[in-house]
Amino acid sequence: MATNKEYSIPKHNLSVEDKKAADKLLSIERFKRLNQLSDASRIYAGLLKLKYEIEDYLTLETFDRGHTFDSYLKKYVQIFNLKRKALAEDLSIHETKFSRIINGKEDPGLNILYRIEGHSNGVLKAELLWKLVMRKMEFEIIANKKDRKIQLKLVRNKFRYDKKDVMNE
């Protein structure tokens, strides 16, 4: 692997000072362009960034509390530059329910995921958001030994078998 931090950028043969000056000019031009973006372009870019963040996280096949549905919903609110109440109204969700979802106290149902898909004009698909919700649920099922034990005690007529007999058939 290359030791140069800019290994993907073609050689430029600039001195350190010239490189710093060029970087500064590039940064200034970049921010000028960003400021010239329409609201729709800015929102669309933000939604795409959010979508790719979610997709990248889901490829990791691990659970991270910093990558839950509610954390991405907070970013979604920021992208649209809306108050939470306004987004709840846009999605036709009671403000209290929306508050519980965005604060991680309650998981969203499919209807809410469909509404977010509609609100984002299809950029964030309901099935992608569902995978995010399921990642958390899977972790909770695996990690929650206490409730599992309690629930198993409530089971009657548990299926019994001899593993040797089953494996030999």
C-alpha atoms as a PDB file:
ATOM      1  CA  MET A   1       0.000   0.000   0.000  1.00  0.00           C
ATOM      2  CA  ALA A   2       1.255   3.473  -0.815  1.00  0.00           C
ATOM      3  CA  THR A   3       2.597   5.618   2.000  1.00  0.00           C
ATOM      4  CA  ASN A   4       1.242   8.782   0.393  1.00  0.00           C
ATOM      5  CA  LYS A   5      -2.164   9.711   1.875  1.00  0.00           C
ATOM      6  CA  GLU A   6      -3.261  10.781  -1.609  1.00  0.00           C
ATOM      7  CA  TYR A   7      -2.473   7.506  -3.333  1.00  0.00           C
ATOM      8  CA  SER A   8      -5.587   7.724  -5.523  1.00  0.00           C
ATOM      9  CA  ILE A   9      -4.690  11.190  -6.814  1.00  0.00           C
ATOM     10  CA  PRO A  10      -2.278  11.454  -9.752  1.00  0.00           C
ATOM     11  CA  LYS A  11       1.172  12.894  -9.030  1.00  0.00           C
ATOM     12  CA  HIS A  12       1.091  16.662  -9.035  1.00  0.00           C
ATOM     13  CA  ASN A  13       4.759  17.609  -8.441  1.00  0.00           C
ATOM     14  CA  LEU A  14       3.719  20.588  -6.302  1.00  0.00           C
ATOM     15  CA  SER A  15       5.785  21.842  -3.431  1.00  0.00           C
ATOM     16  CA  VAL A  16       4.281  21.548   0.051  1.00  0.00           C
ATOM     17  CA  GLU A  17       3.398  25.252   0.057  1.00  0.00           C
ATOM     18  CA  ASP A  18       1.870  25.132  -3.437  1.00  0.00           C
ATOM     19  CA  LYS A  19      -0.104  22.021  -2.465  1.00  0.00           C
ATOM     20  CA  LYS A  20      -1.515  23.782   0.627  1.00  0.00           C
ATOM     21  CA  ALA A  21      -2.489  26.795  -1.488  1.00  0.00           C
ATOM     22  CA  ALA A  22      -4.140  24.549  -4.099  1.00  0.00           C
ATOM     23  CA  ASP A  23      -6.011  22.651  -1.379  1.00  0.00           C
ATOM     24  CA  LYS A  24      -7.261  25.923   0.081  1.00  0.00           C
ATOM     25  CA  LEU A  25      -8.487  27.132  -3.338  1.00  0.00           C
ATOM     26  CA  LEU A  26     -10.181  23.794  -3.955  1.00  0.00           C
ATOM     27  CA  SER A  27     -11.901  23.979  -0.572  1.00  0.00           C
ATOM     28  CA  ILE A  28     -13.131  27.520  -1.261  1.00  0.00           C
ATOM     29  CA  GLU A  29     -14.489  26.518  -4.677  1.00  0.00           C
ATOM     30  CA  ARG A  30     -16.125  23.425  -3.206  1.00  0.00           C
ATOM     31  CA  PHE A  31     -17.971  25.468  -0.574  1.00  0.00           C
ATOM     32  CA  LYS A  32     -19.032  28.025  -3.196  1.00  0.00           C
ATOM     33  CA  ARG A  33     -20.558  25.192  -5.246  1.00  0.00           C
ATOM     34  CA  LEU A  34     -22.252  23.724  -2.182  1.00  0.00           C
ATOM     35  CA  ASN A  35     -23.793  27.103  -1.373  1.00  0.00           C
ATOM     36  CA  GLN A  36     -25.116  27.345  -4.928  1.00  0.00           C
ATOM     37  CA  LEU A  37     -26.997  24.050  -4.696  1.00  0.00           C
ATOM     38  CA  SER A  38     -30.763  24.282  -4.714  1.00  0.00           C
ATOM     39  CA  ASP A  39     -32.614  22.991  -1.649  1.00  0.00           C
ATOM     40  CA  ALA A  40     -33.838  20.019  -3.674  1.00  0.00           C
ATOM     41  CA  SER A  41     -30.281  19.133  -4.766  1.00  0.00           C
ATOM     42  CA  ARG A  42     -28.984  19.508  -1.216  1.00  0.00           C
ATOM     43  CA  ILE A  43     -31.754  17.309   0.184  1.00  0.00           C
ATOM     44  CA  TYR A  44     -31.316  14.699  -2.554  1.00  0.00           C
ATOM     45  CA  ALA A  45     -27.559  14.563  -1.915  1.00  0.00           C
ATOM     46  CA  GLY A  46     -28.199  14.210   1.816  1.00  0.00           C
ATOM     47  CA  LEU A  47     -30.699  11.397   1.248  1.00  0.00           C
ATOM     48  CA  LEU A  48     -28.276   9.536  -1.012  1.00  0.00           C
ATOM     49  CA  LYS A  49     -25.524   9.920   1.571  1.00  0.00           C
ATOM     50  CA  LEU A  50     -27.859   8.566   4.262  1.00  0.00           C
ATOM     51  CA  LYS A  51     -28.920   5.657   2.048  1.00  0.00           C
ATOM     52  CA  TYR A  52     -25.301   4.685   1.360  1.00  0.00           C
ATOM     53  CA  GLU A  53     -24.411   4.977   5.055  1.00  0.00           C
ATOM     54  CA  ILE A  54     -27.219   2.561   5.914  1.00  0.00           C
ATOM     55  CA  GLU A  55     -26.243   0.155   3.132  1.00  0.00           C
ATOM     56  CA  ASP A  56     -22.590   0.220   4.232  1.00  0.00           C
ATOM     57  CA  TYR A  57     -23.560  -0.439   7.839  1.00  0.00           C
ATOM     58  CA  LEU A  58     -25.788  -3.361   6.880  1.00  0.00           C
ATOM     59  CA  THR A  59     -22.934  -5.036   4.989  1.00  0.00           C
ATOM     60  CA  LEU A  60     -20.928  -5.223   8.234  1.00  0.00           C
ATOM     61  CA  GLU A  61     -23.294  -7.842   9.683  1.00  0.00           C
ATOM     62  CA  THR A  62     -22.731  -6.541  13.213  1.00  0.00           C
ATOM     63  CA  PHE A  63     -24.847  -4.463  15.554  1.00  0.00           C
ATOM     64  CA  ASP A  64     -23.788  -0.999  16.645  1.00  0.00           C
ATOM     65  CA  ARG A  65     -26.025   1.174  18.846  1.00  0.00           C
ATOM     66  CA  GLY A  66     -24.814   4.214  16.901  1.00  0.00           C
ATOM     67  CA  HIS A  67     -26.429   2.814  13.754  1.00  0.00           C
ATOM     68  CA  THR A  68     -30.006   2.227  14.821  1.00  0.00           C
ATOM     69  CA  PHE A  69     -33.145   3.333  13.011  1.00  0.00           C
ATOM     70  CA  ASP A  70     -33.642   6.206  15.444  1.00  0.00           C
ATOM     71  CA  SER A  71     -30.117   7.551  14.846  1.00  0.00           C
ATOM     72  CA  TYR A  72     -30.717   7.574  11.097  1.00  0.00           C
ATOM     73  CA  LEU A  73     -34.159   9.136  11.592  1.00  0.00           C
ATOM     74  CA  LYS A  74     -32.474  12.013  13.437  1.00  0.00           C
ATOM     75  CA  LYS A  75     -30.176  12.510  10.433  1.00  0.00           C
ATOM     76  CA  TYR A  76     -33.234  12.390   8.171  1.00  0.00           C
ATOM     77  CA  VAL A  77     -34.813  15.247  10.131  1.00  0.00           C
ATOM     78  CA  GLN A  78     -31.576  17.255   9.760  1.00  0.00           C
ATOM     79  CA  ILE A  79     -31.420  16.657   6.006  1.00  0.00           C
ATOM     80  CA  PHE A  80     -34.849  18.242   5.570  1.00  0.00           C
ATOM     81  CA  ASN A  81     -34.055  20.941   8.118  1.00  0.00           C
ATOM     82  CA  LEU A  82     -37.406  20.343   9.781  1.00  0.00           C
ATOM     83  CA  LYS A  83     -38.598  20.357  13.348  1.00  0.00           C
ATOM     84  CA  ARG A  84     -39.532  16.899  14.577  1.00  0.00           C
ATOM     85  CA  LYS A  85     -43.135  17.991  14.971  1.00  0.00           C
ATOM     86  CA  ALA A  86     -43.280  19.101  11.332  1.00  0.00           C
ATOM     87  CA  LEU A  87     -41.917  15.773  10.082  1.00  0.00           C
ATOM     88  CA  ALA A  88     -44.380  13.888  12.293  1.00  0.00           C
ATOM     89  CA  GLU A  89     -47.160  15.899  10.667  1.00  0.00           C
ATOM     90  CA  ASP A  90     -45.765  15.249   7.178  1.00  0.00           C
ATOM     91  CA  LEU A  91     -45.772  11.514   7.935  1.00  0.00           C
ATOM     92  CA  SER A  92     -49.233  11.638   9.593  1.00  0.00           C
ATOM     93  CA  ILE A  93     -47.815  10.239  12.831  1.00  0.00           C
ATOM     94  CA  HIS A  94     -48.914  11.447  16.259  1.00  0.00           C
ATOM     95  CA  GLU A  95     -46.182  13.628  17.733  1.00  0.00           C
ATOM     96  CA  THR A  96     -45.879  11.432  20.855  1.00  0.00           C
ATOM     97  CA  LYS A  97     -45.438   8.251  18.804  1.00  0.00           C
ATOM     98  CA  PHE A  98     -42.877   9.977  16.579  1.00  0.00           C
ATOM     99  CA  SER A  99     -41.011  11.145  19.689  1.00  0.00           C
ATOM    100  CA  ARG A 100     -40.914   7.588  21.044  1.00  0.00           C
ATOM    101  CA  ILE A 101     -39.536   6.287  17.729  1.00  0.00           C
ATOM    102  CA  ILE A 102     -36.908   8.991  17.236  1.00  0.00           C
ATOM    103  CA  ASN A 103     -35.733   8.566  20.842  1.00  0.00           C
ATOM    104  CA  GLY A 104     -35.371   4.798  20.439  1.00  0.00           C
ATOM    105  CA  LYS A 105     -38.168   3.902  22.867  1.00  0.00           C
ATOM    106  CA  GLU A 106     -40.301   2.250  20.177  1.00  0.00           C
ATOM    107  CA  ASP A 107     -39.577   0.602  16.839  1.00  0.00           C
ATOM    108  CA  PRO A 108     -41.437   1.789  13.747  1.00  0.00           C
ATOM    109  CA  GLY A 109     -44.035  -0.371  12.055  1.00  0.00           C
ATOM    110  CA  LEU A 110     -44.137  -1.074   8.349  1.00  0.00           C
ATOM    111  CA  ASN A 111     -46.657   1.720   7.746  1.00  0.00           C
ATOM    112  CA  ILE A 112     -44.208   4.310   9.030  1.00  0.00           C
ATOM    113  CA  LEU A 113     -41.432   2.877   6.862  1.00  0.00           C
ATOM    114  CA  TYR A 114     -43.725   3.100   3.829  1.00  0.00           C
ATOM    115  CA  ARG A 115     -44.445   6.728   4.701  1.00  0.00           C
ATOM    116  CA  ILE A 116     -40.746   7.569   4.970  1.00  0.00           C
ATOM    117  CA  GLU A 117     -40.213   5.917   1.594  1.00  0.00           C
ATOM    118  CA  GLY A 118     -42.970   8.129   0.200  1.00  0.00           C
ATOM    119  CA  HIS A 119     -41.664  11.248   1.940  1.00  0.00           C
ATOM    120  CA  SER A 120     -38.168  10.656   0.511  1.00  0.00           C
ATOM    121  CA  ASN A 121     -39.748  10.079  -2.925  1.00  0.00           C
ATOM    122  CA  GLY A 122     -38.415   6.526  -2.986  1.00  0.00           C
ATOM    123  CA  VAL A 123     -34.784   7.314  -2.189  1.00  0.00           C
ATOM    124  CA  LEU A 124     -35.000   5.470   1.132  1.00  0.00           C
ATOM    125  CA  LYS A 125     -36.830   2.226   0.427  1.00  0.00           C
ATOM    126  CA  ALA A 126     -38.986   0.693   3.156  1.00  0.00           C
ATOM    127  CA  GLU A 127     -37.178  -2.642   2.796  1.00  0.00           C
ATOM    128  CA  LEU A 128     -33.807  -0.997   3.481  1.00  0.00           C
ATOM    129  CA  LEU A 129     -35.200   0.677   6.593  1.00  0.00           C
ATOM    130  CA  TRP A 130     -36.803  -2.615   7.672  1.00  0.00           C
ATOM    131  CA  LYS A 131     -33.403  -4.350   7.514  1.00  0.00           C
ATOM    132  CA  LEU A 132     -32.109  -1.665   9.864  1.00  0.00           C
ATOM    133  CA  VAL A 133     -34.938  -2.283  12.335  1.00  0.00           C
ATOM    134  CA  MET A 134     -34.422  -6.051  12.086  1.00  0.00           C
ATOM    135  CA  ARG A 135     -30.689  -5.724  12.835  1.00  0.00           C
ATOM    136  CA  LYS A 136     -31.551  -4.227  16.225  1.00  0.00           C
ATOM    137  CA  MET A 137     -34.226  -6.843  16.913  1.00  0.00           C
ATOM    138  CA  GLU A 138     -31.832  -9.661  16.048  1.00  0.00           C
ATOM    139  CA  PHE A 139     -29.285  -8.276  18.492  1.00  0.00           C
ATOM    140  CA  GLU A 140     -31.934  -7.956  21.209  1.00  0.00           C
ATOM    141  CA  ILE A 141     -33.050 -11.562  20.683  1.00  0.00           C
ATOM    142  CA  ILE A 142     -29.482 -12.841  20.925  1.00  0.00           C
ATOM    143  CA  ALA A 143     -28.485 -10.661  23.886  1.00  0.00           C
ATOM    144  CA  ASN A 144     -31.622 -10.923  26.021  1.00  0.00           C
ATOM    145  CA  LYS A 145     -30.900 -14.115  27.971  1.00  0.00           C
ATOM    146  CA  LYS A 146     -32.993 -13.024  30.961  1.00  0.00           C
ATOM    147  CA  ASP A 147     -36.319 -12.697  29.115  1.00  0.00           C
ATOM    148  CA  ARG A 148     -35.606 -15.847  27.120  1.00  0.00           C
ATOM    149  CA  LYS A 149     -35.182 -17.785  30.357  1.00  0.00           C
ATOM    150  CA  ILE A 150     -38.411 -16.333  31.807  1.00  0.00           C
ATOM    151  CA  GLN A 151     -40.381 -17.174  28.662  1.00  0.00           C
ATOM    152  CA  LEU A 152     -38.999 -20.716  28.450  1.00  0.00           C
ATOM    153  CA  LYS A 153     -40.274 -21.390  31.969  1.00  0.00           C
ATOM    154  CA  LEU A 154     -43.821 -20.666  30.741  1.00  0.00           C
ATOM    155  CA  VAL A 155     -43.731 -23.406  28.074  1.00  0.00           C
ATOM    156  CA  ARG A 156     -45.692 -26.615  28.656  1.00  0.00           C
ATOM    157  CA  ASN A 157     -45.428 -29.900  26.796  1.00  0.00           C
ATOM    158  CA  LYS A 158     -42.001 -29.118  25.411  1.00  0.00           C
ATOM    159  CA  PHE A 159     -41.000 -31.298  22.467  1.00  0.00           C
ATOM    160  CA  ARG A 160     -38.629 -33.992  23.667  1.00  0.00           C
ATOM    161  CA  TYR A 161     -36.439 -36.229  21.609  1.00  0.00           C
ATOM    162  CA  ASP A 162     -33.266 -38.246  21.828  1.00  0.00           C
ATOM    163  CA  LYS A 163     -30.648 -36.690  19.522  1.00  0.00           C
ATOM    164  CA  LYS A 164     -29.080 -40.083  18.866  1.00  0.00           C
ATOM    165  CA  ASP A 165     -32.363 -41.442  17.526  1.00  0.00           C
ATOM    166  CA  VAL A 166     -33.013 -38.452  15.298  1.00  0.00           C
ATOM    167  CA  MET A 167     -29.485 -38.291  13.863  1.00  0.00           C
ATOM    168  CA  ASN A 168     -29.415 -41.985  12.933  1.00  0.00           C
ATOM    169  CA  GLU A 169     -32.414 -41.813  10.625  1.00  0.00           C
END
